[in-house]
Amino acid sequence: MHHLNTPRASSPKPLLRPLRALGALLAVVALSACSSIGSRVPTLITPYKVDIVQGNVVTREQAQALKNGMSRDEVRDILGSPLLVSVFHADRWDYVFTFRRQGQEPQQRRLTLHFKGDVLDRFEGDELPSETEFVASLDTRRKFGKVPPLEATEAQLKSFEEKNANAPTAPLPPTAPTDANYPPLESPGAAR
């Protein structure tokens, strides 16, 4: 048997080299695009972060209710238990409040009370918000501007009456006759 060397139709190796080079070039371009997008992704997508509330909320109204000479129990009734009571500073109570919410500056307030024995001597602290200011600072809903008045003017009431003067009214549901005799709720002689 003779083996004839017949030329092959076309060798796949010469075509694979340019395809491999093109594939490598596309991979490099894709990876470089990922690195430039990666620097922008944190601004586009942020994970949800839980609001962190720690400590005691003390409002301006509560601080105004404090008077020198109050007992520790009276102070606790107004402000609640202090967040910090130090063994080394038994005559000092610290009320600390921190609030962290995603996208907002953290809030932190402190109120320090000093006692002489069992009696409030003095207190000092940060500027405290009123109760309404504090609640408003927690509200994250979208603000839509000024709230419209929720009462009708005399002209609006008159036009409403005129529009509804000729409107047909729905019939009222039938009522039970007033002389209806219903059985008693309890039977006579029932134990109570």
Protein backbone atom coordinates (compact mmCIF):
# COMPACT_ATOMS: atom_id res chain seq x y z
CA MET A 1 0.00 0.00 0.00
CA HIS A 2 1.16 3.30 -0.88
CA HIS A 3 0.44 6.26 1.21
CA LEU A 4 -0.19 9.26 -0.75
CA ASN A 5 0.46 12.56 0.80
CA THR A 6 -2.59 14.46 -0.03
CA PRO A 7 -2.77 18.02 1.05
CA ARG A 8 -5.43 18.73 3.62
CA ALA A 9 -8.18 21.06 2.64
CA SER A 10 -7.13 23.80 5.03
CA SER A 11 -5.47 23.64 8.40
CA PRO A 12 -7.50 25.12 11.31
CA LYS A 13 -4.41 26.45 13.08
CA PRO A 14 -3.91 29.54 10.93
CA LEU A 15 -7.55 30.63 11.60
CA LEU A 16 -7.36 29.98 15.34
CA ARG A 17 -4.51 32.38 15.98
CA PRO A 18 -6.38 35.54 14.95
CA LEU A 19 -9.51 34.34 16.81
CA ARG A 20 -7.50 33.70 19.97
CA ALA A 21 -5.87 37.11 19.69
CA LEU A 22 -9.27 38.74 19.17
CA GLY A 23 -10.70 36.82 22.17
CA ALA A 24 -7.77 37.89 24.38
CA LEU A 25 -8.20 41.50 23.26
CA LEU A 26 -11.94 41.40 24.06
CA ALA A 27 -11.23 39.89 27.49
CA VAL A 28 -8.75 42.68 28.29
CA VAL A 29 -11.24 45.33 27.17
CA ALA A 30 -14.01 43.72 29.23
CA LEU A 31 -11.86 43.51 32.34
CA SER A 32 -10.72 47.11 32.01
CA ALA A 33 -14.36 48.17 31.64
CA CYS A 34 -15.22 46.27 34.82
CA SER A 35 -12.54 48.10 36.77
CA SER A 36 -13.77 51.52 35.63
CA ILE A 37 -17.41 50.60 36.35
CA GLY A 38 -16.45 49.17 39.72
CA SER A 39 -15.39 52.60 40.93
CA ARG A 40 -18.88 53.98 40.11
CA VAL A 41 -21.02 51.11 41.40
CA PRO A 42 -21.01 52.16 45.09
CA THR A 43 -22.63 55.46 44.15
CA LEU A 44 -25.31 53.74 42.10
CA ILE A 45 -26.21 50.87 44.40
CA THR A 46 -25.97 51.11 48.17
CA PRO A 47 -26.99 48.37 50.57
CA TYR A 48 -29.74 49.02 53.11
CA LYS A 49 -28.37 50.03 56.48
CA VAL A 50 -30.49 49.74 59.60
CA ASP A 51 -31.15 52.87 61.65
CA ILE A 52 -29.18 52.73 64.89
CA VAL A 53 -30.80 54.32 67.93
CA GLN A 54 -28.94 54.19 71.23
CA GLY A 55 -29.57 55.80 74.56
CA ASN A 56 -32.27 57.98 76.01
CA VAL A 57 -34.16 60.61 74.07
CA VAL A 58 -34.36 63.70 76.26
CA THR A 59 -36.40 66.59 74.89
CA ARG A 60 -36.33 70.26 75.79
CA GLU A 61 -39.67 69.91 77.60
CA GLN A 62 -38.27 67.14 79.84
CA ALA A 63 -35.15 69.18 80.66
CA GLN A 64 -37.31 72.20 81.51
CA ALA A 65 -39.25 70.07 83.99
CA LEU A 66 -36.06 69.40 85.98
CA LYS A 67 -35.59 71.55 89.08
CA ASN A 68 -32.68 71.70 91.47
CA GLY A 69 -33.56 69.90 94.70
CA MET A 70 -35.49 67.04 93.02
CA SER A 71 -34.84 63.53 94.31
CA ARG A 72 -33.28 60.84 92.11
CA ASP A 73 -36.66 59.09 91.88
CA GLU A 74 -38.37 62.28 90.67
CA VAL A 75 -35.65 62.74 88.03
CA ARG A 76 -36.00 59.11 86.95
CA ASP A 77 -39.77 59.60 86.60
CA ILE A 78 -39.17 62.48 84.17
CA LEU A 79 -36.15 61.26 82.18
CA GLY A 80 -36.13 57.51 82.69
CA SER A 81 -33.11 55.54 83.81
CA PRO A 82 -29.76 57.05 82.84
CA LEU A 83 -27.68 55.38 80.16
CA LEU A 84 -24.46 55.77 82.14
CA VAL A 85 -24.04 55.53 85.89
CA SER A 86 -20.43 55.30 86.96
CA VAL A 87 -19.29 53.51 90.09
CA PHE A 88 -16.53 56.08 90.39
CA HIS A 89 -18.92 59.04 89.95
CA ALA A 90 -21.97 57.98 91.95
CA ASP A 91 -23.28 61.54 92.05
CA ARG A 92 -23.37 61.89 88.26
CA TRP A 93 -25.89 60.57 85.74
CA ASP A 94 -25.31 60.79 81.99
CA TYR A 95 -28.12 60.67 79.48
CA VAL A 96 -26.64 60.06 76.04
CA PHE A 97 -28.56 59.70 72.80
CA THR A 98 -27.17 58.77 69.37
CA PHE A 99 -29.08 58.21 66.16
CA ARG A 100 -27.49 57.06 62.90
CA ARG A 101 -29.45 56.82 59.66
CA GLN A 102 -28.16 56.16 56.18
CA GLY A 103 -27.78 59.37 54.18
CA GLN A 104 -28.06 61.70 57.19
CA GLU A 105 -25.62 63.23 59.62
CA PRO A 106 -25.56 61.28 62.91
CA GLN A 107 -27.35 62.94 65.80
CA GLN A 108 -25.70 62.89 69.22
CA ARG A 109 -26.86 64.65 72.39
CA ARG A 110 -25.76 64.48 76.00
CA LEU A 111 -27.30 65.66 79.26
CA THR A 112 -25.31 65.33 82.50
CA LEU A 113 -26.93 65.58 85.93
CA HIS A 114 -24.96 66.14 89.15
CA PHE A 115 -26.39 65.16 92.51
CA LYS A 116 -25.41 66.03 96.06
CA GLY A 117 -26.43 63.00 98.03
CA ASP A 118 -29.91 62.09 96.79
CA VAL A 119 -30.82 65.60 95.54
CA LEU A 120 -30.30 67.12 92.07
CA ASP A 121 -27.68 69.89 92.35
CA ARG A 122 -27.20 70.98 88.71
CA PHE A 123 -27.45 69.74 85.13
CA GLU A 124 -25.80 70.67 81.86
CA GLY A 125 -25.87 69.43 78.33
CA ASP A 126 -26.22 70.01 74.63
CA GLU A 127 -29.00 72.04 73.03
CA LEU A 128 -32.00 69.70 73.15
CA PRO A 129 -34.77 69.61 70.54
CA SER A 130 -38.41 69.98 71.41
CA GLU A 131 -40.55 66.88 71.08
CA THR A 132 -41.99 68.06 67.75
CA GLU A 133 -38.54 68.92 66.38
CA PHE A 134 -37.25 65.49 67.38
CA VAL A 135 -40.17 63.68 65.73
CA ALA A 136 -39.74 65.81 62.59
CA SER A 137 -36.05 64.87 62.43
CA LEU A 138 -37.04 61.19 62.35
CA ASP A 139 -39.57 61.63 59.55
CA THR A 140 -38.04 60.46 56.27
CA ARG A 141 -41.09 60.85 54.10
CA ARG A 142 -40.94 63.20 51.19
CA LYS A 143 -41.96 66.76 51.97
CA PHE A 144 -44.63 68.07 49.61
CA GLY A 145 -44.67 71.70 50.69
CA LYS A 146 -47.41 73.58 52.47
CA VAL A 147 -50.42 71.57 53.64
CA PRO A 148 -53.65 73.00 52.24
CA PRO A 149 -56.30 74.18 54.71
CA LEU A 150 -58.71 71.43 55.67
CA GLU A 151 -61.82 73.57 55.98
CA ALA A 152 -64.16 74.93 53.37
CA THR A 153 -64.85 78.62 52.94
CA GLU A 154 -68.41 79.98 52.97
CA ALA A 155 -68.37 80.29 49.16
CA GLN A 156 -67.26 76.66 48.76
CA LEU A 157 -70.00 75.47 51.13
CA LYS A 158 -72.64 77.46 49.23
CA SER A 159 -71.53 76.07 45.84
CA PHE A 160 -71.54 72.56 47.29
CA GLU A 161 -75.13 73.00 48.54
CA GLU A 162 -76.20 74.36 45.13
CA LYS A 163 -74.64 71.42 43.28
CA ASN A 164 -76.28 68.88 45.56
CA ALA A 165 -79.71 70.56 45.86
CA ASN A 166 -81.13 68.72 42.86
CA ALA A 167 -79.15 65.52 43.30
CA PRO A 168 -81.28 62.47 44.04
CA THR A 169 -80.81 61.12 47.52
CA ALA A 170 -80.41 57.47 48.24
CA PRO A 171 -83.27 55.95 50.24
CA LEU A 172 -82.49 55.31 53.86
CA PRO A 173 -82.41 51.68 54.99
CA PRO A 174 -85.55 50.51 56.78
CA THR A 175 -85.47 50.87 60.53
CA ALA A 176 -86.89 48.48 63.06
CA PRO A 177 -90.26 49.48 64.47
CA THR A 178 -89.98 51.16 67.85
CA ASP A 179 -92.63 48.91 69.39
CA ALA A 180 -90.72 45.72 68.54
CA ASN A 181 -90.65 43.26 71.40
CA TYR A 182 -87.26 41.63 71.80
CA PRO A 183 -86.50 38.79 74.21
CA PRO A 184 -84.49 39.75 77.30
CA LEU A 185 -80.72 39.36 77.11
CA GLU A 186 -80.67 37.33 80.32
CA SER A 187 -83.20 34.85 81.47
CA PRO A 188 -84.96 35.77 84.71
CA GLY A 189 -83.27 34.31 87.78
CA ALA A 190 -79.92 33.70 86.05
CA ALA A 191 -76.95 33.74 88.39
CA ARG A 192 -74.59 36.66 87.99
